[in-house]
C-alpha atoms as a PDB file:
ATOM      1  CA  MET A   1     354.208  92.928 206.501  1.00  0.00           C
ATOM      2  CA  LEU A   2     357.912  93.098 207.311  1.00  0.00           C
ATOM      3  CA  PRO A   3     360.480  90.866 205.581  1.00  0.00           C
ATOM      4  CA  LEU A   4     361.527  87.866 207.643  1.00  0.00           C
ATOM      5  CA  ARG A   5     365.194  87.758 208.558  1.00  0.00           C
ATOM      6  CA  PHE A   6     366.732  84.660 210.150  1.00  0.00           C
ATOM      7  CA  ASN A   7     369.731  83.963 212.353  1.00  0.00           C
ATOM      8  CA  GLU A   8     372.485  82.385 210.273  1.00  0.00           C
ATOM      9  CA  ILE A   9     373.603  78.814 210.942  1.00  0.00           C
ATOM     10  CA  TYR A  10     377.366  78.461 210.433  1.00  0.00           C
ATOM     11  CA  GLN A  11     378.875  75.127 209.442  1.00  0.00           C
ATOM     12  CA  GLU A  12     382.533  74.191 209.966  1.00  0.00           C
ATOM     13  CA  ARG A  13     384.103  72.698 206.850  1.00  0.00           C
ATOM     14  CA  VAL A  14     387.622  71.498 206.153  1.00  0.00           C
ATOM     15  CA  TRP A  15     387.587  73.517 202.921  1.00  0.00           C
ATOM     16  CA  GLY A  16     386.149  76.679 204.497  1.00  0.00           C
ATOM     17  CA  GLY A  17     387.680  79.928 205.683  1.00  0.00           C
ATOM     18  CA  ARG A  18     386.836  83.338 207.159  1.00  0.00           C
ATOM     19  CA  GLU A  19     385.550  85.262 204.136  1.00  0.00           C
ATOM     20  CA  LEU A  20     382.113  85.646 205.701  1.00  0.00           C
ATOM     21  CA  GLU A  21     383.870  87.717 208.334  1.00  0.00           C
ATOM     22  CA  ASN A  22     386.225  89.506 205.936  1.00  0.00           C
ATOM     23  CA  VAL A  23     383.753  90.321 203.159  1.00  0.00           C
ATOM     24  CA  TYR A  24     380.485  90.786 205.037  1.00  0.00           C
ATOM     25  CA  GLY A  25     381.759  91.810 208.468  1.00  0.00           C
ATOM     26  CA  ARG A  26     379.977  88.953 210.213  1.00  0.00           C
ATOM     27  CA  SER A  27     380.814  87.748 213.703  1.00  0.00           C
ATOM     28  CA  LEU A  28     381.674  84.073 213.336  1.00  0.00           C
ATOM     29  CA  PRO A  29     381.174  81.788 216.340  1.00  0.00           C
ATOM     30  CA  CYS A  30     384.788  80.766 217.035  1.00  0.00           C
ATOM     31  CA  GLU A  31     388.160  82.308 216.259  1.00  0.00           C
ATOM     32  CA  GLY A  32     390.380  80.424 213.817  1.00  0.00           C
ATOM     33  CA  VAL A  33     387.734  77.919 212.749  1.00  0.00           C
ATOM     34  CA  PRO A  34     387.164  77.415 208.989  1.00  0.00           C
ATOM     35  CA  TYR A  35     383.486  78.091 208.286  1.00  0.00           C
ATOM     36  CA  GLY A  36     382.551  76.846 204.853  1.00  0.00           C
ATOM     37  CA  GLU A  37     378.803  77.408 204.903  1.00  0.00           C
ATOM     38  CA  ALA A  38     376.299  79.891 206.259  1.00  0.00           C
ATOM     39  CA  TRP A  39     372.832  78.390 206.078  1.00  0.00           C
ATOM     40  CA  GLU A  40     370.704  81.482 205.598  1.00  0.00           C
ATOM     41  CA  ILE A  41     367.275  79.876 205.209  1.00  0.00           C
ATOM     42  CA  SER A  42     367.009  76.308 206.445  1.00  0.00           C
ATOM     43  CA  ASP A  43     364.272  73.932 207.550  1.00  0.00           C
ATOM     44  CA  ARG A  44     366.413  70.924 208.402  1.00  0.00           C
ATOM     45  CA  GLU A  45     366.296  68.773 211.498  1.00  0.00           C
ATOM     46  CA  GLY A  46     369.053  70.067 213.781  1.00  0.00           C
ATOM     47  CA  ALA A  47     369.560  73.174 211.628  1.00  0.00           C
ATOM     48  CA  GLN A  48     366.465  75.320 211.996  1.00  0.00           C
ATOM     49  CA  SER A  49     366.424  78.937 210.875  1.00  0.00           C
ATOM     50  CA  VAL A  50     365.009  81.128 213.653  1.00  0.00           C
ATOM     51  CA  VAL A  51     363.310  84.453 212.904  1.00  0.00           C
ATOM     52  CA  ARG A  52     365.375  87.358 214.218  1.00  0.00           C
ATOM     53  CA  SER A  53     364.168  89.411 217.165  1.00  0.00           C
ATOM     54  CA  ASP A  54     363.503  92.479 214.975  1.00  0.00           C
ATOM     55  CA  SER A  55     361.211  90.670 212.528  1.00  0.00           C
ATOM     56  CA  GLY A  56     357.904  91.497 214.169  1.00  0.00           C
ATOM     57  CA  GLU A  57     355.268  89.099 215.486  1.00  0.00           C
ATOM     58  CA  TYR A  58     357.051  85.942 214.322  1.00  0.00           C
ATOM     59  CA  ALA A  59     360.325  86.673 216.115  1.00  0.00           C
ATOM     60  CA  GLY A  60     361.803  83.577 217.748  1.00  0.00           C
ATOM     61  CA  MET A  61     359.787  81.098 215.665  1.00  0.00           C
ATOM     62  CA  THR A  62     361.538  78.499 213.542  1.00  0.00           C
ATOM     63  CA  LEU A  63     361.006  78.205 209.816  1.00  0.00           C
ATOM     64  CA  SER A  64     359.532  74.761 210.436  1.00  0.00           C
ATOM     65  CA  GLU A  65     356.938  76.242 212.785  1.00  0.00           C
ATOM     66  CA  LEU A  66     355.982  78.896 210.253  1.00  0.00           C
ATOM     67  CA  TRP A  67     355.666  76.347 207.451  1.00  0.00           C
ATOM     68  CA  SER A  68     353.940  73.517 209.308  1.00  0.00           C
ATOM     69  CA  ASP A  69     351.166  75.734 210.716  1.00  0.00           C
ATOM     70  CA  VAL A  70     348.750  75.804 207.784  1.00  0.00           C
ATOM     71  CA  SER A  71     347.167  79.138 208.686  1.00  0.00           C
ATOM     72  CA  ILE A  72     350.560  80.836 209.062  1.00  0.00           C
ATOM     73  CA  ARG A  73     351.890  79.200 205.913  1.00  0.00           C
ATOM     74  CA  ARG A  74     348.981  80.481 203.861  1.00  0.00           C
ATOM     75  CA  LYS A  75     349.315  83.961 205.362  1.00  0.00           C
ATOM     76  CA  LEU A  76     353.093  84.262 204.842  1.00  0.00           C
ATOM     77  CA  PHE A  77     353.825  82.055 201.868  1.00  0.00           C
ATOM     78  CA  GLY A  78     350.690  81.596 199.770  1.00  0.00           C
ATOM     79  CA  GLU A  79     347.797  79.274 199.034  1.00  0.00           C
ATOM     80  CA  ASP A  80     349.002  76.972 196.261  1.00  0.00           C
ATOM     81  CA  LEU A  81     352.671  76.256 196.840  1.00  0.00           C
ATOM     82  CA  LYS A  82     354.218  72.933 196.007  1.00  0.00           C
ATOM     83  CA  VAL A  83     355.265  71.169 199.217  1.00  0.00           C
ATOM     84  CA  TRP A  84     357.967  68.487 199.388  1.00  0.00           C
ATOM     85  CA  GLY A  85     357.778  66.262 202.470  1.00  0.00           C
ATOM     86  CA  GLY A  86     355.954  68.860 204.523  1.00  0.00           C
ATOM     87  CA  ARG A  87     359.051  71.052 204.873  1.00  0.00           C
ATOM     88  CA  PHE A  88     359.925  74.446 203.485  1.00  0.00           C
ATOM     89  CA  PRO A  89     361.038  73.438 199.978  1.00  0.00           C
ATOM     90  CA  LEU A  90     364.391  75.246 199.690  1.00  0.00           C
ATOM     91  CA  LEU A  91     367.729  75.532 201.453  1.00  0.00           C
ATOM     92  CA  VAL A  92     369.693  78.732 200.785  1.00  0.00           C
ATOM     93  CA  LYS A  93     373.385  79.151 201.671  1.00  0.00           C
ATOM     94  CA  ILE A  94     376.563  81.127 201.270  1.00  0.00           C
ATOM     95  CA  LEU A  95     379.597  78.929 200.580  1.00  0.00           C
ATOM     96  CA  ASP A  96     383.120  80.126 201.422  1.00  0.00           C
ATOM     97  CA  CYS A  97     385.455  77.831 199.501  1.00  0.00           C
ATOM     98  CA  ARG A  98     389.104  78.422 200.429  1.00  0.00           C
ATOM     99  CA  GLU A  99     390.042  74.889 199.335  1.00  0.00           C
ATOM    100  CA  ASP A 100     388.541  72.561 196.731  1.00  0.00           C
ATOM    101  CA  LEU A 101     385.287  70.920 197.756  1.00  0.00           C
ATOM    102  CA  SER A 102     384.987  67.182 197.271  1.00  0.00           C
ATOM    103  CA  VAL A 103     384.059  65.868 193.841  1.00  0.00           C
ATOM    104  CA  GLN A 104     380.456  64.840 194.340  1.00  0.00           C
ATOM    105  CA  VAL A 105     377.063  64.076 192.852  1.00  0.00           C
ATOM    106  CA  HIS A 106     373.509  64.276 194.161  1.00  0.00           C
ATOM    107  CA  PRO A 107     371.000  61.489 193.513  1.00  0.00           C
ATOM    108  CA  PRO A 108     368.131  62.112 191.089  1.00  0.00           C
ATOM    109  CA  ALA A 109     364.641  61.679 192.521  1.00  0.00           C
ATOM    110  CA  GLU A 110     364.008  58.385 190.713  1.00  0.00           C
ATOM    111  CA  ARG A 111     367.069  56.757 192.349  1.00  0.00           C
ATOM    112  CA  CYS A 112     366.679  58.019 195.926  1.00  0.00           C
ATOM    113  CA  GLU A 113     364.612  55.135 197.262  1.00  0.00           C
ATOM    114  CA  GLU A 114     367.103  52.649 195.854  1.00  0.00           C
ATOM    115  CA  LEU A 115     370.301  54.463 196.857  1.00  0.00           C
ATOM    116  CA  GLY A 116     369.154  56.329 199.954  1.00  0.00           C
ATOM    117  CA  GLY A 117     368.996  60.036 200.684  1.00  0.00           C
ATOM    118  CA  GLU A 118     367.075  62.852 199.050  1.00  0.00           C
ATOM    119  CA  SER A 119     367.286  64.344 195.578  1.00  0.00           C
ATOM    120  CA  LYS A 120     369.155  67.615 195.310  1.00  0.00           C
ATOM    121  CA  THR A 121     369.159  70.037 192.412  1.00  0.00           C
ATOM    122  CA  GLU A 122     370.891  73.365 193.004  1.00  0.00           C
ATOM    123  CA  MET A 123     372.275  76.503 191.393  1.00  0.00           C
ATOM    124  CA  TRP A 124     375.389  78.539 192.181  1.00  0.00           C
ATOM    125  CA  TYR A 125     375.745  82.295 191.849  1.00  0.00           C
ATOM    126  CA  VAL A 126     379.345  83.511 191.909  1.00  0.00           C
ATOM    127  CA  ALA A 127     379.579  86.337 194.460  1.00  0.00           C
ATOM    128  CA  GLY A 128     383.382  86.347 194.617  1.00  0.00           C
ATOM    129  CA  VAL A 129     386.228  84.581 192.839  1.00  0.00           C
ATOM    130  CA  ASP A 130     390.024  84.589 193.031  1.00  0.00           C
ATOM    131  CA  ASP A 131     392.145  84.790 189.889  1.00  0.00           C
ATOM    132  CA  GLY A 132     392.532  81.370 188.303  1.00  0.00           C
ATOM    133  CA  ALA A 133     389.870  79.689 190.439  1.00  0.00           C
ATOM    134  CA  LYS A 134     387.908  76.925 188.711  1.00  0.00           C
ATOM    135  CA  LEU A 135     384.535  75.266 188.951  1.00  0.00           C
ATOM    136  CA  TYR A 136     384.178  71.599 188.040  1.00  0.00           C
ATOM    137  CA  ALA A 137     380.958  70.547 186.303  1.00  0.00           C
ATOM    138  CA  GLY A 138     380.256  67.470 184.210  1.00  0.00           C
ATOM    139  CA  VAL A 139     382.831  65.222 182.597  1.00  0.00           C
ATOM    140  CA  LYS A 140     385.203  65.773 179.704  1.00  0.00           C
ATOM    141  CA  GLU A 141     384.546  64.336 176.286  1.00  0.00           C
ATOM    142  CA  GLY A 142     385.362  60.620 176.234  1.00  0.00           C
ATOM    143  CA  VAL A 143     385.088  60.036 179.992  1.00  0.00           C
ATOM    144  CA  THR A 144     383.016  56.943 180.720  1.00  0.00           C
ATOM    145  CA  LYS A 145     382.150  55.115 183.906  1.00  0.00           C
ATOM    146  CA  GLU A 146     385.120  52.812 183.331  1.00  0.00           C
ATOM    147  CA  VAL A 147     387.524  55.700 182.683  1.00  0.00           C
ATOM    148  CA  LEU A 148     386.469  57.488 185.849  1.00  0.00           C
ATOM    149  CA  ALA A 149     386.680  54.291 187.903  1.00  0.00           C
ATOM    150  CA  GLU A 150     390.257  53.753 186.737  1.00  0.00           C
ATOM    151  CA  ALA A 151     391.176  57.352 187.614  1.00  0.00           C
ATOM    152  CA  LEU A 152     389.698  56.923 191.085  1.00  0.00           C
ATOM    153  CA  SER A 153     391.742  53.772 191.624  1.00  0.00           C
ATOM    154  CA  GLU A 154     394.858  55.812 190.785  1.00  0.00           C
ATOM    155  CA  GLY A 155     393.895  58.565 193.234  1.00  0.00           C
ATOM    156  CA  CYS A 156     393.403  61.448 190.802  1.00  0.00           C
ATOM    157  CA  VAL A 157     390.355  62.569 188.823  1.00  0.00           C
ATOM    158  CA  ALA A 158     391.074  66.199 187.896  1.00  0.00           C
ATOM    159  CA  LYS A 159     391.844  65.304 184.273  1.00  0.00           C
ATOM    160  CA  GLN A 160     388.430  63.676 183.881  1.00  0.00           C
ATOM    161  CA  LEU A 161     386.464  66.683 185.149  1.00  0.00           C
ATOM    162  CA  HIS A 162     385.292  69.548 182.977  1.00  0.00           C
ATOM    163  CA  GLN A 163     386.694  72.826 184.346  1.00  0.00           C
ATOM    164  CA  VAL A 164     385.240  76.313 183.977  1.00  0.00           C
ATOM    165  CA  GLU A 165     386.662  79.677 185.034  1.00  0.00           C
ATOM    166  CA  ALA A 166     383.667  81.708 186.196  1.00  0.00           C
ATOM    167  CA  LYS A 167     383.337  85.441 186.684  1.00  0.00           C
ATOM    168  CA  VAL A 168     381.586  87.342 189.458  1.00  0.00           C
ATOM    169  CA  GLY A 169     377.903  87.595 188.597  1.00  0.00           C
ATOM    170  CA  GLU A 170     377.780  84.389 186.574  1.00  0.00           C
ATOM    171  CA  SER A 171     375.768  81.361 187.625  1.00  0.00           C
ATOM    172  CA  ILE A 172     375.500  77.676 186.836  1.00  0.00           C
ATOM    173  CA  PHE A 173     372.695  75.158 187.238  1.00  0.00           C
ATOM    174  CA  ILE A 174     373.614  71.840 188.888  1.00  0.00           C
ATOM    175  CA  PRO A 175     370.915  69.216 188.297  1.00  0.00           C
ATOM    176  CA  SER A 176     370.898  65.960 190.191  1.00  0.00           C
ATOM    177  CA  GLY A 177     373.262  63.546 188.463  1.00  0.00           C
ATOM    178  CA  ARG A 178     375.828  66.185 187.431  1.00  0.00           C
ATOM    179  CA  LEU A 179     379.337  65.436 188.694  1.00  0.00           C
ATOM    180  CA  HIS A 180     380.649  68.646 190.252  1.00  0.00           C
ATOM    181  CA  ALA A 181     382.921  70.422 192.700  1.00  0.00           C
ATOM    182  CA  ILE A 182     383.578  74.036 193.639  1.00  0.00           C
ATOM    183  CA  GLY A 183     387.250  74.897 193.368  1.00  0.00           C
ATOM    184  CA  ALA A 184     389.232  76.882 195.922  1.00  0.00           C
ATOM    185  CA  GLY A 185     388.813  80.637 195.796  1.00  0.00           C
ATOM    186  CA  HIS A 186     385.054  81.014 195.371  1.00  0.00           C
ATOM    187  CA  LEU A 187     382.347  82.757 197.352  1.00  0.00           C
ATOM    188  CA  ILE A 188     379.027  81.255 196.222  1.00  0.00           C
ATOM    189  CA  TYR A 189     375.360  81.920 196.842  1.00  0.00           C
ATOM    190  CA  GLU A 190     373.586  78.566 196.572  1.00  0.00           C
ATOM    191  CA  VAL A 191     369.887  77.862 196.106  1.00  0.00           C
ATOM    192  CA  GLN A 192     368.891  74.202 196.318  1.00  0.00           C
ATOM    193  CA  GLU A 193     366.177  71.740 197.092  1.00  0.00           C
ATOM    194  CA  ASN A 194     365.716  71.210 200.811  1.00  0.00           C
ATOM    195  CA  SER A 195     368.141  68.300 200.958  1.00  0.00           C
ATOM    196  CA  ASP A 196     371.479  67.541 202.572  1.00  0.00           C
ATOM    197  CA  THR A 197     372.369  64.397 200.607  1.00  0.00           C
ATOM    198  CA  THR A 198     375.784  64.361 198.962  1.00  0.00           C
ATOM    199  CA  PHE A 199     377.609  61.360 197.512  1.00  0.00           C
ATOM    200  CA  ARG A 200     381.355  62.059 197.568  1.00  0.00           C
ATOM    201  CA  VAL A 201     383.279  60.533 194.698  1.00  0.00           C
ATOM    202  CA  PHE A 202     386.741  61.897 195.506  1.00  0.00           C
ATOM    203  CA  ASP A 203     388.136  64.189 198.221  1.00  0.00           C
ATOM    204  CA  TRP A 204     391.567  65.109 196.847  1.00  0.00           C
ATOM    205  CA  ASN A 205     393.304  62.585 199.168  1.00  0.00           C
ATOM    206  CA  ARG A 206     392.964  64.884 202.188  1.00  0.00           C
ATOM    207  CA  ARG A 207     391.832  64.456 205.761  1.00  0.00           C
ATOM    208  CA  GLY A 208     388.871  66.046 207.490  1.00  0.00           C
ATOM    209  CA  LEU A 209     388.824  68.349 210.498  1.00  0.00           C
ATOM    210  CA  ASP A 210     389.110  65.295 212.757  1.00  0.00           C
ATOM    211  CA  GLY A 211     392.310  64.178 211.013  1.00  0.00           C
ATOM    212  CA  LYS A 212     390.651  61.201 209.358  1.00  0.00           C
ATOM    213  CA  PRO A 213     389.766  60.714 205.672  1.00  0.00           C
ATOM    214  CA  ARG A 214     386.187  61.765 204.997  1.00  0.00           C
ATOM    215  CA  GLU A 215     383.699  59.104 203.963  1.00  0.00           C
ATOM    216  CA  LEU A 216     383.387  58.421 200.242  1.00  0.00           C
ATOM    217  CA  HIS A 217     380.341  57.030 198.435  1.00  0.00           C
ATOM    218  CA  VAL A 218     381.900  55.727 195.242  1.00  0.00           C
ATOM    219  CA  GLU A 219     379.432  52.927 194.570  1.00  0.00           C
ATOM    220  CA  GLN A 220     376.357  55.159 195.005  1.00  0.00           C
ATOM    221  CA  SER A 221     378.008  57.943 193.040  1.00  0.00           C
ATOM    222  CA  MET A 222     378.722  55.750 190.044  1.00  0.00           C
ATOM    223  CA  GLU A 223     375.041  54.845 189.918  1.00  0.00           C
ATOM    224  CA  CYS A 224     374.050  58.535 189.896  1.00  0.00           C
ATOM    225  CA  ILE A 225     376.542  60.241 187.596  1.00  0.00           C
ATOM    226  CA  ASN A 226     375.189  61.300 184.227  1.00  0.00           C
ATOM    227  CA  PHE A 227     378.089  60.451 181.901  1.00  0.00           C
ATOM    228  CA  SER A 228     376.279  62.076 178.974  1.00  0.00           C
ATOM    229  CA  ASP A 229     376.575  65.428 180.791  1.00  0.00           C
ATOM    230  CA  ILE A 230     379.648  66.460 178.806  1.00  0.00           C
ATOM    231  CA  GLU A 231     381.420  69.784 179.321  1.00  0.00           C
ATOM    232  CA  PRO A 232     378.500  72.036 180.346  1.00  0.00           C
ATOM    233  CA  GLY A 233     379.043  75.788 180.469  1.00  0.00           C
ATOM    234  CA  MET A 234     377.891  78.567 182.759  1.00  0.00           C
ATOM    235  CA  SER A 235     374.199  79.401 182.513  1.00  0.00           C
ATOM    236  CA  ALA A 236     373.000  81.875 179.904  1.00  0.00           C
ATOM    237  CA  PRO A 237     370.583  84.376 181.505  1.00  0.00           C
ATOM    238  CA  TYR A 238     367.485  85.351 179.561  1.00  0.00           C
ATOM    239  CA  ALA A 239     365.104  88.290 179.910  1.00  0.00           C
ATOM    240  CA  ASN A 240     361.965  87.710 181.978  1.00  0.00           C
ATOM    241  CA  ASP A 241     358.677  89.613 181.738  1.00  0.00           C
ATOM    242  CA  THR A 242     359.224  91.652 184.929  1.00  0.00           C
ATOM    243  CA  GLY A 243     362.251  93.686 183.908  1.00  0.00           C
ATOM    244  CA  GLY A 244     364.989  91.351 185.084  1.00  0.00           C
ATOM    245  CA  GLN A 245     366.697  88.223 183.826  1.00  0.00           C
ATOM    246  CA  THR A 246     366.194  84.595 184.740  1.00  0.00           C
ATOM    247  CA  LEU A 247     369.283  82.707 185.871  1.00  0.00           C
ATOM    248  CA  ALA A 248     367.745  79.317 186.670  1.00  0.00           C
ATOM    249  CA  CYS A 249     364.312  77.777 186.281  1.00  0.00           C
ATOM    250  CA  CYS A 250     363.303  74.216 187.131  1.00  0.00           C
ATOM    251  CA  GLU A 251     360.500  72.316 188.828  1.00  0.00           C
ATOM    252  CA  TYR A 252     361.927  73.190 192.269  1.00  0.00           C
ATOM    253  CA  PHE A 253     362.797  76.903 192.033  1.00  0.00           C
ATOM    254  CA  LYS A 254     363.198  79.925 189.800  1.00  0.00           C
ATOM    255  CA  VAL A 255     365.967  82.489 190.366  1.00  0.00           C
ATOM    256  CA  ASP A 256     365.773  85.932 188.763  1.00  0.00           C
ATOM    257  CA  GLU A 257     368.260  88.803 188.907  1.00  0.00           C
ATOM    258  CA  TYR A 258     367.276  92.487 189.022  1.00  0.00           C
ATOM    259  CA  ALA A 259     369.377  95.634 188.670  1.00  0.00           C
ATOM    260  CA  LEU A 260     367.591  98.316 190.727  1.00  0.00           C
ATOM    261  CA  SER A 261     368.165 102.055 190.659  1.00  0.00           C
ATOM    262  CA  THR A 262     368.137 104.414 193.638  1.00  0.00           C
ATOM    263  CA  GLY A 263     364.607 105.514 194.453  1.00  0.00           C
ATOM    264  CA  MET A 264     362.865 102.414 193.084  1.00  0.00           C
ATOM    265  CA  ASN A 265     360.675 100.101 195.142  1.00  0.00           C
ATOM    266  CA  PHE A 266     360.977  96.318 194.952  1.00  0.00           C
ATOM    267  CA  GLY A 267     358.640  93.559 196.102  1.00  0.00           C
ATOM    268  CA  ASN A 268     356.844  90.405 195.046  1.00  0.00           C
ATOM    269  CA  PHE A 269     355.651  90.573 191.457  1.00  0.00           C
ATOM    270  CA  ASP A 270     353.003  88.012 192.368  1.00  0.00           C
ATOM    271  CA  GLU A 271     351.608  89.450 195.594  1.00  0.00           C
ATOM    272  CA  GLU A 272     349.842  86.175 196.398  1.00  0.00           C
ATOM    273  CA  ARG A 273     353.151  84.349 196.830  1.00  0.00           C
ATOM    274  CA  PHE A 274     356.334  84.821 198.840  1.00  0.00           C
ATOM    275  CA  SER A 275     359.875  85.150 197.533  1.00  0.00           C
ATOM    276  CA  ILE A 276     363.418  84.980 198.858  1.00  0.00           C
ATOM    277  CA  VAL A 277     365.482  88.104 198.210  1.00  0.00           C
ATOM    278  CA  THR A 278     369.289  88.069 198.237  1.00  0.00           C
ATOM    279  CA  VAL A 279     371.164  91.360 198.151  1.00  0.00           C
ATOM    280  CA  VAL A 280     374.219  91.067 195.892  1.00  0.00           C
ATOM    281  CA  SER A 281     375.202  94.742 196.081  1.00  0.00           C
ATOM    282  CA  GLY A 282     373.770  98.122 197.012  1.00  0.00           C
ATOM    283  CA  GLU A 283     371.421  99.052 199.841  1.00  0.00           C
ATOM    284  CA  LEU A 284     367.700  98.558 200.430  1.00  0.00           C
ATOM    285  CA  ARG A 285     365.438  99.553 203.302  1.00  0.00           C
ATOM    286  CA  ASP A 286     362.146  98.107 204.505  1.00  0.00           C
ATOM    287  CA  GLU A 287     359.085  99.932 205.834  1.00  0.00           C
ATOM    288  CA  ALA A 288     360.397  99.728 209.396  1.00  0.00           C
ATOM    289  CA  GLY A 289     363.695 101.385 208.419  1.00  0.00           C
ATOM    290  CA  ARG A 290     365.815  98.245 208.567  1.00  0.00           C
ATOM    291  CA  VAL A 291     368.693  98.307 206.089  1.00  0.00           C
ATOM    292  CA  TYR A 292     369.815  95.419 203.863  1.00  0.00           C
ATOM    293  CA  VAL A 293     373.229  95.234 202.203  1.00  0.00           C
ATOM    294  CA  ALA A 294     375.376  92.750 200.281  1.00  0.00           C
ATOM    295  CA  GLY A 295     375.119  89.218 201.671  1.00  0.00           C
ATOM    296  CA  ASP A 296     371.731  89.750 203.332  1.00  0.00           C
ATOM    297  CA  PHE A 297     368.922  87.263 202.751  1.00  0.00           C
ATOM    298  CA  MET A 298     365.253  87.615 203.604  1.00  0.00           C
ATOM    299  CA  ILE A 299     361.848  86.118 202.931  1.00  0.00           C
ATOM    300  CA  LEU A 300     359.359  88.624 201.541  1.00  0.00           C
ATOM    301  CA  PRO A 301     355.952  87.373 202.736  1.00  0.00           C
ATOM    302  CA  ARG A 302     353.040  87.426 200.322  1.00  0.00           C
ATOM    303  CA  GLY A 303     351.411  90.816 200.034  1.00  0.00           C
ATOM    304  CA  LYS A 304     352.253  94.370 199.075  1.00  0.00           C
ATOM    305  CA  SER A 305     355.325  94.986 201.262  1.00  0.00           C
ATOM    306  CA  LYS A 306     358.019  96.889 199.407  1.00  0.00           C
ATOM    307  CA  LEU A 307     361.738  97.438 199.801  1.00  0.00           C
ATOM    308  CA  SER A 308     363.054 100.917 198.993  1.00  0.00           C
ATOM    309  CA  VAL A 309     366.295 101.100 197.034  1.00  0.00           C
ATOM    310  CA  MET A 310     368.586 103.547 198.866  1.00  0.00           C
ATOM    311  CA  HIS A 311     371.620 102.991 196.620  1.00  0.00           C
ATOM    312  CA  ASP A 312     371.754 101.231 193.234  1.00  0.00           C
ATOM    313  CA  ALA A 313     371.349  97.534 193.995  1.00  0.00           C
ATOM    314  CA  LEU A 314     371.625  94.112 192.418  1.00  0.00           C
ATOM    315  CA  VAL A 315     369.331  91.472 193.910  1.00  0.00           C
ATOM    316  CA  LEU A 316     368.365  87.863 193.334  1.00  0.00           C
ATOM    317  CA  GLN A 317     364.740  86.851 193.792  1.00  0.00           C
ATOM    318  CA  THR A 318     363.911  83.173 194.266  1.00  0.00           C
ATOM    319  CA  THR A 319     360.400  81.767 193.927  1.00  0.00           C
ATOM    320  CA  VAL A 320     358.936  78.256 193.985  1.00  0.00           C
ATOM    321  CA  PRO A 321     356.474  76.805 191.476  1.00  0.00           C
ATOM    322  CA  ARG A 322     352.779  76.399 192.038  1.00  0.00           C
ATOM    323  CA  GLY A 323     351.560  72.937 192.877  1.00  0.00           C
ATOM    324  CA  GLU A 324     349.755  70.976 195.550  1.00  0.00           C
ATOM    325  CA  ALA A 325     348.715  73.043 198.561  1.00  0.00           C
END
């Protein structure tokens, strides 16, 4: 069965740019507009991934249609996959961050009913970074709820945030409750729960694309922030049992990285379950002759389908845990 490719969904963001065009040669919808996000695989209301016309019998179907039809879901995705809310469980993006993103936090599952929204745990893989660019994750030693509240009242929180200078190829896990922001100058591959809930704590005193300050959620944020999450570092990969290394593993997803040599074949290690493959570098080809290069995302349906490595490649493979069918 052929890999499923989807039409990208581009999102305008005040902090975005045109790197998706410059780095990956993509045709963005409008000239001069800052696009901060490309939603590569999405099952969200109003933002449905649609299977590309060259993806075989499912061309033109939405991801929601594939997932909600039980017979199709079992055929493409597997028999015993954990399902959250009846939707495809993940949202996968590329983020083009030309300016700092807002300082934000996502609510943990146990607080969502009380505070509103959906839980959101995610991981970032650094695909590109400018010299001196910084990621913000967690708080500095000694920063309490009261200290952060005072800094917010003064209109500046940078000194309270833990800063990390990441390198291309590094990743970091962002659990719900971790205060975080992506600094200007990053190109990020993001894997996350299927959620679009973000509580903004601080937005660098800027205005949005409409010229107005963007909405903040300080009260909700303060109830979510884990102030014991002090100065976390980038993730430390560890060897897996399939010849690659694991970058992130949690109850929602597992992300592994594989360095593949020319002439190898690559597919699902568990042929009874699907995976999401992200090409970081190199070139792969499917059984129909379609070529995949850096910045391409696809769903490999369950089964024996293989990708041929045409030039040495680095790929990410994302899977979801077993659970209720």
